[in-house]
Amino acid sequence: MSDALPESDAALAAFGYELGILKRIRRSGWWQAGIRDPESVGEHSLRAAQLAGLLAAEEGADPARAAYLAIWHDSQETRTGDLPHTVRPYLTKPDPRAITEDQTANLSPAARDSVREAIDEYENASTIEARCAKDADKLEMLLQAVEYREQGVQRVEGWIESARKGLTTDTAHRVAEAAVTMSPLAWRER
């Protein structure tokens, strides 16, 4: 066996390091609401993936697939950072597929295709799993806004309403309605 590292293994390791950046990139839109240290993209993506799996289970879809789509939905932000919605009048949104193509160019075909297909499915929202993943992204933002509101931040209603308007599944609508009327600590009382 050669001491040389297979190229595909090195590429996967390098991509793993790139993905680590998501733990350090802050969700920048929250700064506009006065949050000094908002959650990271990685933290957001974890709860979004968890919620996507749960929404999919409730909707009769594949929870693992929905979670997989959600875990990748913001992975392109290693290259762009987290762009708040206020940049829309000034910048064209980068194409997630093009960024993912660049990010995964050196991966083995199996790994590369897995990520590219996930991003394509998520962006097309053509499956119930993709719609659950997109709803989970919005629902996670809503939950975070309610948590910030409970900490005394008063300027989060726009995030809550934006999230509610973007939901498509019945389950996500019901969960959002419940979430805005309860304390983020309600789980402690059950």
N, C-alpha and C. Protein backbone atom coordinates (compact mmCIF):
# COMPACT_ATOMS: atom_id res chain seq x y z
N MET A 1 0.84 -1.18 0.00
CA MET A 1 0.00 0.00 0.00
C MET A 1 0.89 1.24 0.00
N SER A 2 0.55 2.15 -0.82
CA SER A 2 1.33 3.38 -0.98
C SER A 2 1.06 4.33 0.18
N ASP A 3 2.06 5.15 0.49
CA ASP A 3 1.89 6.16 1.53
C ASP A 3 1.13 7.37 1.01
N ALA A 4 0.94 7.44 -0.28
CA ALA A 4 0.23 8.59 -0.87
C ALA A 4 -1.26 8.50 -0.54
N LEU A 5 -1.78 9.60 -0.15
CA LEU A 5 -3.20 9.69 0.19
C LEU A 5 -4.03 9.71 -1.10
N PRO A 6 -5.05 8.85 -1.20
CA PRO A 6 -5.89 8.91 -2.40
C PRO A 6 -6.47 10.32 -2.57
N GLU A 7 -6.51 10.76 -3.82
CA GLU A 7 -6.97 12.11 -4.11
C GLU A 7 -8.38 12.37 -3.60
N SER A 8 -9.28 11.38 -3.74
CA SER A 8 -10.66 11.58 -3.30
C SER A 8 -10.75 11.73 -1.78
N ASP A 9 -9.88 11.03 -1.05
CA ASP A 9 -9.88 11.17 0.41
C ASP A 9 -9.39 12.55 0.82
N ALA A 10 -8.37 13.04 0.17
CA ALA A 10 -7.86 14.38 0.46
C ALA A 10 -8.91 15.43 0.12
N ALA A 11 -9.61 15.23 -1.00
CA ALA A 11 -10.66 16.18 -1.40
C ALA A 11 -11.79 16.21 -0.37
N LEU A 12 -12.17 15.04 0.12
CA LEU A 12 -13.23 14.98 1.12
C LEU A 12 -12.78 15.65 2.42
N ALA A 13 -11.55 15.41 2.81
CA ALA A 13 -11.01 16.06 4.02
C ALA A 13 -10.99 17.58 3.85
N ALA A 14 -10.55 18.03 2.69
CA ALA A 14 -10.50 19.48 2.43
C ALA A 14 -11.91 20.08 2.48
N PHE A 15 -12.89 19.38 1.91
CA PHE A 15 -14.27 19.87 1.95
C PHE A 15 -14.79 19.86 3.38
N GLY A 16 -14.38 18.87 4.15
CA GLY A 16 -14.74 18.84 5.57
C GLY A 16 -14.24 20.07 6.31
N TYR A 17 -13.01 20.48 6.00
CA TYR A 17 -12.49 21.72 6.61
C TYR A 17 -13.29 22.93 6.15
N GLU A 18 -13.63 22.96 4.87
CA GLU A 18 -14.44 24.08 4.37
C GLU A 18 -15.78 24.14 5.09
N LEU A 19 -16.42 22.99 5.26
CA LEU A 19 -17.71 22.96 5.94
C LEU A 19 -17.62 23.44 7.39
N GLY A 20 -16.45 23.28 7.99
CA GLY A 20 -16.24 23.76 9.36
C GLY A 20 -16.42 25.26 9.49
N ILE A 21 -16.25 25.96 8.39
CA ILE A 21 -16.44 27.42 8.40
C ILE A 21 -17.87 27.78 8.80
N LEU A 22 -18.82 26.90 8.47
CA LEU A 22 -20.22 27.16 8.80
C LEU A 22 -20.44 27.30 10.31
N LYS A 23 -19.55 26.71 11.10
CA LYS A 23 -19.65 26.86 12.56
C LYS A 23 -19.24 28.25 13.02
N ARG A 24 -18.51 28.96 12.17
CA ARG A 24 -18.01 30.29 12.56
C ARG A 24 -18.74 31.44 11.88
N ILE A 25 -19.46 31.16 10.81
CA ILE A 25 -20.20 32.23 10.11
C ILE A 25 -21.49 32.50 10.87
N ARG A 26 -21.68 33.73 11.26
CA ARG A 26 -22.88 34.13 12.00
C ARG A 26 -24.01 34.46 11.04
N ARG A 27 -25.23 34.22 11.46
CA ARG A 27 -26.41 34.57 10.67
C ARG A 27 -26.57 36.08 10.76
N SER A 28 -26.11 36.76 9.74
CA SER A 28 -25.89 38.21 9.79
C SER A 28 -27.15 39.06 9.87
N GLY A 29 -28.28 38.57 9.39
CA GLY A 29 -29.50 39.36 9.46
C GLY A 29 -29.89 39.73 10.88
N TRP A 30 -29.53 38.89 11.82
CA TRP A 30 -29.89 39.15 13.22
C TRP A 30 -29.16 40.37 13.78
N TRP A 31 -28.03 40.71 13.22
CA TRP A 31 -27.33 41.92 13.69
C TRP A 31 -28.22 43.14 13.51
N GLN A 32 -29.04 43.13 12.45
CA GLN A 32 -29.94 44.26 12.19
C GLN A 32 -31.01 44.38 13.27
N ALA A 33 -31.30 43.28 13.95
CA ALA A 33 -32.29 43.29 15.03
C ALA A 33 -31.63 43.61 16.38
N GLY A 34 -30.32 43.78 16.37
CA GLY A 34 -29.62 44.11 17.61
C GLY A 34 -29.02 42.92 18.34
N ILE A 35 -29.01 41.76 17.71
CA ILE A 35 -28.39 40.58 18.33
C ILE A 35 -26.89 40.70 18.16
N ARG A 36 -26.17 40.75 19.26
CA ARG A 36 -24.71 40.94 19.19
C ARG A 36 -23.97 39.68 18.77
N ASP A 37 -24.46 38.53 19.19
CA ASP A 37 -23.79 37.27 18.88
C ASP A 37 -24.82 36.25 18.40
N PRO A 38 -25.30 36.39 17.16
CA PRO A 38 -26.32 35.46 16.66
C PRO A 38 -25.75 34.07 16.45
N GLU A 39 -26.67 33.13 16.29
CA GLU A 39 -26.26 31.75 16.06
C GLU A 39 -25.49 31.64 14.75
N SER A 40 -24.72 30.59 14.64
CA SER A 40 -23.94 30.35 13.41
C SER A 40 -24.82 29.67 12.37
N VAL A 41 -24.34 29.68 11.14
CA VAL A 41 -25.02 28.97 10.07
C VAL A 41 -25.07 27.48 10.40
N GLY A 42 -23.99 26.96 10.96
CA GLY A 42 -23.96 25.55 11.35
C GLY A 42 -25.01 25.22 12.41
N GLU A 43 -25.16 26.09 13.39
CA GLU A 43 -26.18 25.87 14.43
C GLU A 43 -27.57 25.92 13.82
N HIS A 44 -27.79 26.88 12.95
CA HIS A 44 -29.08 27.00 12.26
C HIS A 44 -29.35 25.73 11.44
N SER A 45 -28.35 25.28 10.70
CA SER A 45 -28.54 24.12 9.82
C SER A 45 -28.84 22.86 10.60
N LEU A 46 -28.24 22.69 11.77
CA LEU A 46 -28.51 21.50 12.58
C LEU A 46 -29.98 21.46 12.98
N ARG A 47 -30.49 22.55 13.57
CA ARG A 47 -31.89 22.52 14.02
C ARG A 47 -32.83 22.45 12.81
N ALA A 48 -32.48 23.10 11.71
CA ALA A 48 -33.30 23.00 10.50
C ALA A 48 -33.37 21.55 10.03
N ALA A 49 -32.26 20.84 10.05
CA ALA A 49 -32.26 19.44 9.62
C ALA A 49 -33.10 18.57 10.56
N GLN A 50 -32.98 18.83 11.85
CA GLN A 50 -33.78 18.07 12.81
C GLN A 50 -35.27 18.32 12.58
N LEU A 51 -35.63 19.59 12.39
CA LEU A 51 -37.03 19.94 12.14
C LEU A 51 -37.51 19.36 10.81
N ALA A 52 -36.66 19.38 9.79
CA ALA A 52 -37.04 18.83 8.49
C ALA A 52 -37.41 17.36 8.61
N GLY A 53 -36.62 16.61 9.36
CA GLY A 53 -36.93 15.20 9.57
C GLY A 53 -38.26 15.00 10.27
N LEU A 54 -38.51 15.83 11.27
CA LEU A 54 -39.78 15.72 12.00
C LEU A 54 -40.97 16.13 11.15
N LEU A 55 -40.83 17.22 10.40
CA LEU A 55 -41.91 17.65 9.51
C LEU A 55 -42.20 16.56 8.48
N ALA A 56 -41.15 15.99 7.91
CA ALA A 56 -41.33 14.94 6.91
C ALA A 56 -42.05 13.73 7.51
N ALA A 57 -41.70 13.35 8.71
CA ALA A 57 -42.39 12.22 9.35
C ALA A 57 -43.88 12.52 9.49
N GLU A 58 -44.20 13.73 9.91
CA GLU A 58 -45.60 14.13 10.07
C GLU A 58 -46.33 14.21 8.74
N GLU A 59 -45.62 14.56 7.69
CA GLU A 59 -46.22 14.71 6.36
C GLU A 59 -46.23 13.41 5.57
N GLY A 60 -45.73 12.32 6.16
CA GLY A 60 -45.70 11.03 5.47
C GLY A 60 -44.59 10.91 4.45
N ALA A 61 -43.54 11.71 4.61
CA ALA A 61 -42.41 11.70 3.69
C ALA A 61 -41.21 11.03 4.36
N ASP A 62 -40.08 11.02 3.68
CA ASP A 62 -38.87 10.38 4.17
C ASP A 62 -38.09 11.34 5.08
N PRO A 63 -38.10 11.12 6.39
CA PRO A 63 -37.42 12.03 7.31
C PRO A 63 -35.92 12.15 7.05
N ALA A 64 -35.27 11.04 6.73
CA ALA A 64 -33.82 11.08 6.50
C ALA A 64 -33.49 11.93 5.28
N ARG A 65 -34.28 11.81 4.24
CA ARG A 65 -34.01 12.59 3.03
C ARG A 65 -34.25 14.08 3.30
N ALA A 66 -35.33 14.41 3.98
CA ALA A 66 -35.61 15.81 4.28
C ALA A 66 -34.50 16.41 5.15
N ALA A 67 -34.05 15.67 6.13
CA ALA A 67 -32.96 16.15 6.99
C ALA A 67 -31.68 16.34 6.18
N TYR A 68 -31.40 15.41 5.27
CA TYR A 68 -30.20 15.51 4.44
C TYR A 68 -30.25 16.76 3.56
N LEU A 69 -31.40 17.05 2.99
CA LEU A 69 -31.53 18.25 2.17
C LEU A 69 -31.32 19.50 3.02
N ALA A 70 -31.88 19.51 4.20
CA ALA A 70 -31.77 20.69 5.07
C ALA A 70 -30.34 20.90 5.56
N ILE A 71 -29.62 19.83 5.81
CA ILE A 71 -28.26 19.98 6.33
C ILE A 71 -27.35 20.64 5.29
N TRP A 72 -27.69 20.50 4.01
CA TRP A 72 -26.88 21.07 2.94
C TRP A 72 -27.38 22.43 2.46
N HIS A 73 -28.55 22.87 2.87
CA HIS A 73 -29.20 24.02 2.23
C HIS A 73 -28.41 25.32 2.29
N ASP A 74 -27.60 25.53 3.29
CA ASP A 74 -26.80 26.75 3.39
C ASP A 74 -25.30 26.49 3.26
N SER A 75 -24.91 25.32 2.78
CA SER A 75 -23.48 24.97 2.72
C SER A 75 -22.69 25.89 1.81
N GLN A 76 -23.35 26.55 0.88
CA GLN A 76 -22.66 27.45 -0.04
C GLN A 76 -22.15 28.70 0.67
N GLU A 77 -22.65 28.96 1.86
CA GLU A 77 -22.26 30.16 2.59
C GLU A 77 -20.81 30.14 3.06
N THR A 78 -20.13 28.99 2.89
CA THR A 78 -18.69 28.98 3.14
C THR A 78 -17.99 29.88 2.13
N ARG A 79 -18.59 30.04 0.96
CA ARG A 79 -18.00 30.84 -0.11
C ARG A 79 -18.56 32.26 -0.16
N THR A 80 -19.78 32.47 0.30
CA THR A 80 -20.42 33.79 0.17
C THR A 80 -20.63 34.51 1.50
N GLY A 81 -20.55 33.77 2.60
CA GLY A 81 -21.00 34.32 3.87
C GLY A 81 -22.52 34.29 3.90
N ASP A 82 -23.08 34.69 5.01
CA ASP A 82 -24.54 34.74 5.15
C ASP A 82 -25.00 36.12 4.70
N LEU A 83 -25.72 36.17 3.61
CA LEU A 83 -26.18 37.44 3.06
C LEU A 83 -27.59 37.73 3.57
N PRO A 84 -27.78 38.82 4.30
CA PRO A 84 -29.13 39.13 4.79
C PRO A 84 -30.04 39.54 3.64
N HIS A 85 -31.33 39.47 3.88
CA HIS A 85 -32.31 39.80 2.85
C HIS A 85 -32.20 41.25 2.38
N THR A 86 -31.61 42.10 3.17
CA THR A 86 -31.50 43.52 2.79
C THR A 86 -30.54 43.75 1.64
N VAL A 87 -29.75 42.74 1.24
CA VAL A 87 -28.84 42.91 0.10
C VAL A 87 -29.54 42.70 -1.23
N ARG A 88 -30.76 42.18 -1.21
CA ARG A 88 -31.45 41.84 -2.46
C ARG A 88 -31.53 42.97 -3.48
N PRO A 89 -31.78 44.21 -3.06
CA PRO A 89 -31.83 45.27 -4.09
C PRO A 89 -30.47 45.60 -4.70
N TYR A 90 -29.39 45.12 -4.10
CA TYR A 90 -28.05 45.52 -4.52
C TYR A 90 -27.23 44.40 -5.15
N LEU A 91 -27.56 43.16 -4.80
CA LEU A 91 -26.79 42.02 -5.28
C LEU A 91 -27.71 40.97 -5.88
N THR A 92 -27.23 40.30 -6.87
CA THR A 92 -27.94 39.15 -7.40
C THR A 92 -27.57 37.96 -6.51
N LYS A 93 -28.58 37.21 -6.09
CA LYS A 93 -28.32 36.06 -5.23
C LYS A 93 -27.43 35.06 -5.97
N PRO A 94 -26.35 34.65 -5.34
CA PRO A 94 -25.48 33.65 -5.98
C PRO A 94 -26.26 32.35 -6.20
N ASP A 95 -25.97 31.67 -7.28
CA ASP A 95 -26.64 30.42 -7.61
C ASP A 95 -26.08 29.29 -6.73
N PRO A 96 -26.91 28.74 -5.84
CA PRO A 96 -26.42 27.66 -4.96
C PRO A 96 -25.88 26.47 -5.73
N ARG A 97 -26.48 26.17 -6.87
CA ARG A 97 -26.01 25.02 -7.66
C ARG A 97 -24.60 25.25 -8.19
N ALA A 98 -24.34 26.46 -8.67
CA ALA A 98 -23.01 26.77 -9.21
C ALA A 98 -21.95 26.72 -8.10
N ILE A 99 -22.29 27.25 -6.94
CA ILE A 99 -21.34 27.22 -5.83
C ILE A 99 -21.08 25.78 -5.41
N THR A 100 -22.15 25.00 -5.29
CA THR A 100 -22.01 23.59 -4.90
C THR A 100 -21.18 22.83 -5.93
N GLU A 101 -21.36 23.15 -7.19
CA GLU A 101 -20.57 22.52 -8.24
C GLU A 101 -19.08 22.76 -8.01
N ASP A 102 -18.72 24.00 -7.71
CA ASP A 102 -17.32 24.34 -7.42
C ASP A 102 -16.84 23.65 -6.14
N GLN A 103 -17.66 23.70 -5.11
CA GLN A 103 -17.26 23.12 -3.83
C GLN A 103 -16.97 21.62 -3.94
N THR A 104 -17.74 20.94 -4.76
CA THR A 104 -17.65 19.48 -4.83
C THR A 104 -16.87 18.96 -6.03
N ALA A 105 -16.26 19.83 -6.78
CA ALA A 105 -15.59 19.45 -8.03
C ALA A 105 -14.54 18.35 -7.84
N ASN A 106 -13.85 18.34 -6.72
CA ASN A 106 -12.76 17.38 -6.52
C ASN A 106 -13.18 16.13 -5.76
N LEU A 107 -14.44 16.06 -5.36
CA LEU A 107 -14.90 14.88 -4.63
C LEU A 107 -15.08 13.70 -5.57
N SER A 108 -15.13 12.51 -5.02
CA SER A 108 -15.42 11.32 -5.82
C SER A 108 -16.82 11.48 -6.41
N PRO A 109 -17.10 10.79 -7.49
CA PRO A 109 -18.43 10.91 -8.11
C PRO A 109 -19.58 10.62 -7.13
N ALA A 110 -19.42 9.64 -6.28
CA ALA A 110 -20.50 9.29 -5.35
C ALA A 110 -20.79 10.45 -4.39
N ALA A 111 -19.75 10.98 -3.77
CA ALA A 111 -19.94 12.09 -2.82
C ALA A 111 -20.41 13.35 -3.55
N ARG A 112 -19.74 13.66 -4.65
CA ARG A 112 -20.09 14.85 -5.44
C ARG A 112 -21.55 14.83 -5.86
N ASP A 113 -21.99 13.71 -6.44
CA ASP A 113 -23.36 13.62 -6.94
C ASP A 113 -24.37 13.67 -5.81
N SER A 114 -24.03 13.10 -4.68
CA SER A 114 -24.94 13.12 -3.53
C SER A 114 -25.26 14.54 -3.10
N VAL A 115 -24.22 15.37 -2.97
CA VAL A 115 -24.42 16.75 -2.54
C VAL A 115 -25.11 17.57 -3.65
N ARG A 116 -24.65 17.42 -4.86
CA ARG A 116 -25.25 18.19 -5.97
C ARG A 116 -26.73 17.86 -6.15
N GLU A 117 -27.06 16.58 -6.06
CA GLU A 117 -28.47 16.18 -6.20
C GLU A 117 -29.31 16.72 -5.04
N ALA A 118 -28.74 16.75 -3.85
CA ALA A 118 -29.47 17.30 -2.70
C ALA A 118 -29.76 18.78 -2.89
N ILE A 119 -28.77 19.52 -3.34
CA ILE A 119 -28.96 20.96 -3.56
C ILE A 119 -29.98 21.20 -4.67
N ASP A 120 -29.89 20.43 -5.74
CA ASP A 120 -30.83 20.59 -6.85
C ASP A 120 -32.26 20.29 -6.39
N GLU A 121 -32.43 19.22 -5.65
CA GLU A 121 -33.76 18.85 -5.14
C GLU A 121 -34.29 19.93 -4.21
N TYR A 122 -33.43 20.42 -3.32
CA TYR A 122 -33.84 21.46 -2.38
C TYR A 122 -34.26 22.72 -3.13
N GLU A 123 -33.44 23.16 -4.07
CA GLU A 123 -33.72 24.39 -4.80
C GLU A 123 -34.98 24.28 -5.66
N ASN A 124 -35.22 23.11 -6.25
CA ASN A 124 -36.41 22.91 -7.07
C ASN A 124 -37.68 22.77 -6.24
N ALA A 125 -37.52 22.32 -5.00
CA ALA A 125 -38.67 22.09 -4.10
C ALA A 125 -39.75 21.23 -4.79
N SER A 126 -39.30 20.27 -5.56
CA SER A 126 -40.23 19.45 -6.33
C SER A 126 -40.70 18.21 -5.58
N THR A 127 -40.10 17.93 -4.43
CA THR A 127 -40.51 16.76 -3.64
C THR A 127 -41.04 17.24 -2.29
N ILE A 128 -41.82 16.39 -1.65
CA ILE A 128 -42.33 16.73 -0.33
C ILE A 128 -41.17 16.87 0.67
N GLU A 129 -40.12 16.07 0.48
CA GLU A 129 -38.96 16.19 1.36
C GLU A 129 -38.30 17.56 1.22
N ALA A 130 -38.19 18.05 0.00
CA ALA A 130 -37.60 19.38 -0.22
C ALA A 130 -38.49 20.46 0.37
N ARG A 131 -39.79 20.32 0.24
CA ARG A 131 -40.69 21.32 0.83
C ARG A 131 -40.61 21.28 2.35
N CYS A 132 -40.47 20.10 2.91
CA CYS A 132 -40.29 19.99 4.37
C CYS A 132 -38.97 20.63 4.79
N ALA A 133 -37.91 20.43 4.02
CA ALA A 133 -36.61 21.04 4.34
C ALA A 133 -36.70 22.55 4.25
N LYS A 134 -37.35 23.07 3.22
CA LYS A 134 -37.51 24.53 3.09
C LYS A 134 -38.37 25.08 4.22
N ASP A 135 -39.43 24.36 4.58
CA ASP A 135 -40.25 24.80 5.71
C ASP A 135 -39.45 24.77 7.00
N ALA A 136 -38.60 23.77 7.15
CA ALA A 136 -37.78 23.68 8.36
C ALA A 136 -36.82 24.86 8.47
N ASP A 137 -36.29 25.30 7.35
CA ASP A 137 -35.43 26.48 7.33
C ASP A 137 -36.19 27.69 7.86
N LYS A 138 -37.40 27.89 7.36
CA LYS A 138 -38.24 29.02 7.81
C LYS A 138 -38.66 28.84 9.26
N LEU A 139 -39.07 27.63 9.61
CA LEU A 139 -39.53 27.37 10.97
C LEU A 139 -38.40 27.56 11.98
N GLU A 140 -37.20 27.15 11.61
CA GLU A 140 -36.05 27.35 12.51
C GLU A 140 -35.83 28.84 12.74
N MET A 141 -35.95 29.65 11.70
CA MET A 141 -35.80 31.09 11.84
C MET A 141 -36.90 31.65 12.76
N LEU A 142 -38.11 31.16 12.60
CA LEU A 142 -39.21 31.61 13.46
C LEU A 142 -38.93 31.26 14.92
N LEU A 143 -38.51 30.04 15.18
CA LEU A 143 -38.19 29.64 16.56
C LEU A 143 -37.08 30.52 17.14
N GLN A 144 -36.06 30.78 16.32
CA GLN A 144 -34.95 31.61 16.78
C GLN A 144 -35.45 33.02 17.10
N ALA A 145 -36.31 33.55 16.26
CA ALA A 145 -36.86 34.90 16.49
C ALA A 145 -37.65 34.95 17.79
N VAL A 146 -38.47 33.92 18.04
CA VAL A 146 -39.23 33.88 19.29
C VAL A 146 -38.28 33.78 20.48
N GLU A 147 -37.22 33.00 20.35
CA GLU A 147 -36.23 32.90 21.43
C GLU A 147 -35.57 34.26 21.68
N TYR A 148 -35.20 34.96 20.62
CA TYR A 148 -34.61 36.29 20.79
C TYR A 148 -35.62 37.26 21.40
N ARG A 149 -36.88 37.17 20.98
CA ARG A 149 -37.93 38.02 21.55
C ARG A 149 -38.05 37.79 23.05
N GLU A 150 -37.98 36.54 23.46
CA GLU A 150 -38.06 36.20 24.89
C GLU A 150 -36.87 36.74 25.67
N GLN A 151 -35.75 36.98 24.97
CA GLN A 151 -34.56 37.55 25.61
C GLN A 151 -34.63 39.07 25.64
N GLY A 152 -35.71 39.64 25.12
CA GLY A 152 -35.90 41.07 25.18
C GLY A 152 -35.69 41.82 23.88
N VAL A 153 -35.37 41.13 22.80
CA VAL A 153 -35.20 41.79 21.52
C VAL A 153 -36.60 42.03 20.94
N GLN A 154 -36.92 43.28 20.70
CA GLN A 154 -38.27 43.63 20.28
C GLN A 154 -38.47 43.74 18.78
N ARG A 155 -37.44 43.72 18.00
CA ARG A 155 -37.56 43.97 16.56
C ARG A 155 -37.47 42.68 15.72
N VAL A 156 -38.15 41.64 16.14
CA VAL A 156 -38.07 40.38 15.42
C VAL A 156 -39.36 39.97 14.72
N GLU A 157 -40.40 40.78 14.85
CA GLU A 157 -41.69 40.42 14.25
C GLU A 157 -41.59 40.23 12.74
N GLY A 158 -40.75 41.01 12.07
CA GLY A 158 -40.59 40.84 10.62
C GLY A 158 -40.06 39.47 10.26
N TRP A 159 -39.16 38.93 11.05
CA TRP A 159 -38.62 37.59 10.81
C TRP A 159 -39.71 36.55 11.03
N ILE A 160 -40.50 36.74 12.08
CA ILE A 160 -41.58 35.79 12.38
C ILE A 160 -42.60 35.78 11.25
N GLU A 161 -43.03 36.94 10.83
CA GLU A 161 -44.03 37.01 9.76
C GLU A 161 -43.48 36.51 8.43
N SER A 162 -42.24 36.82 8.12
CA SER A 162 -41.62 36.33 6.89
C SER A 162 -41.58 34.80 6.90
N ALA A 163 -41.22 34.22 8.02
CA ALA A 163 -41.17 32.76 8.13
C ALA A 163 -42.56 32.17 7.93
N ARG A 164 -43.54 32.73 8.59
CA ARG A 164 -44.91 32.20 8.49
C ARG A 164 -45.42 32.25 7.05
N LYS A 165 -45.14 33.34 6.36
CA LYS A 165 -45.61 33.49 4.98
C LYS A 165 -44.94 32.49 4.04
N GLY A 166 -43.73 32.05 4.35
CA GLY A 166 -43.00 31.16 3.47
C GLY A 166 -43.30 29.69 3.66
N LEU A 167 -44.09 29.33 4.65
CA LEU A 167 -44.37 27.92 4.92
C LEU A 167 -45.36 27.34 3.92
N THR A 168 -45.17 26.06 3.58
CA THR A 168 -46.04 25.43 2.60
C THR A 168 -46.76 24.19 3.12
N THR A 169 -46.19 23.48 4.07
CA THR A 169 -46.82 22.24 4.54
C THR A 169 -47.80 22.54 5.68
N ASP A 170 -48.82 21.71 5.78
CA ASP A 170 -49.80 21.88 6.85
C ASP A 170 -49.15 21.76 8.22
N THR A 171 -48.26 20.79 8.36
CA THR A 171 -47.60 20.59 9.65
C THR A 171 -46.80 21.83 10.06
N ALA A 172 -46.04 22.38 9.14
CA ALA A 172 -45.23 23.57 9.47
C ALA A 172 -46.12 24.74 9.86
N HIS A 173 -47.24 24.92 9.20
CA HIS A 173 -48.17 26.00 9.56
C HIS A 173 -48.68 25.81 10.99
N ARG A 174 -49.05 24.59 11.32
CA ARG A 174 -49.57 24.32 12.67
C ARG A 174 -48.49 24.51 13.73
N VAL A 175 -47.28 24.04 13.45
CA VAL A 175 -46.18 24.19 14.41
C VAL A 175 -45.85 25.66 14.62
N ALA A 176 -45.84 26.43 13.54
CA ALA A 176 -45.57 27.87 13.65
C ALA A 176 -46.62 28.55 14.51
N GLU A 177 -47.88 28.21 14.31
CA GLU A 177 -48.95 28.82 15.11
C GLU A 177 -48.75 28.51 16.59
N ALA A 178 -48.38 27.28 16.88
CA ALA A 178 -48.13 26.91 18.28
C ALA A 178 -46.91 27.64 18.83
N ALA A 179 -45.86 27.71 18.02
CA ALA A 179 -44.58 28.27 18.49
C ALA A 179 -44.69 29.74 18.87
N VAL A 180 -45.48 30.51 18.14
CA VAL A 180 -45.55 31.94 18.43
C VAL A 180 -46.38 32.26 19.66
N THR A 181 -47.11 31.27 20.17
CA THR A 181 -47.96 31.51 21.33
C THR A 181 -47.42 30.89 22.62
N MET A 182 -46.28 30.26 22.54
CA MET A 182 -45.76 29.58 23.73
C MET A 182 -44.35 30.05 24.08
N SER A 183 -43.97 29.78 25.29
CA SER A 183 -42.63 30.11 25.75
C SER A 183 -41.62 29.12 25.18
N PRO A 184 -40.44 29.59 24.83
CA PRO A 184 -39.39 28.67 24.40
C PRO A 184 -38.99 27.68 25.50
N LEU A 185 -39.42 27.92 26.72
CA LEU A 185 -39.13 26.99 27.81
C LEU A 185 -40.29 26.04 28.11
N ALA A 186 -41.31 26.03 27.25
CA ALA A 186 -42.46 25.17 27.47
C ALA A 186 -42.07 23.71 27.56
N TRP A 187 -41.01 23.34 26.89
CA TRP A 187 -40.56 21.94 26.91
C TRP A 187 -40.21 21.47 28.33
N ARG A 188 -39.85 22.40 29.19
CA ARG A 188 -39.48 22.05 30.57
C ARG A 188 -40.68 21.69 31.41
N GLU A 189 -41.85 22.14 30.98
CA GLU A 189 -43.06 21.95 31.77
C GLU A 189 -43.84 20.72 31.36
N ARG A 190 -43.41 20.00 30.36
CA ARG A 190 -44.16 18.82 29.89
C ARG A 190 -43.76 17.58 30.62
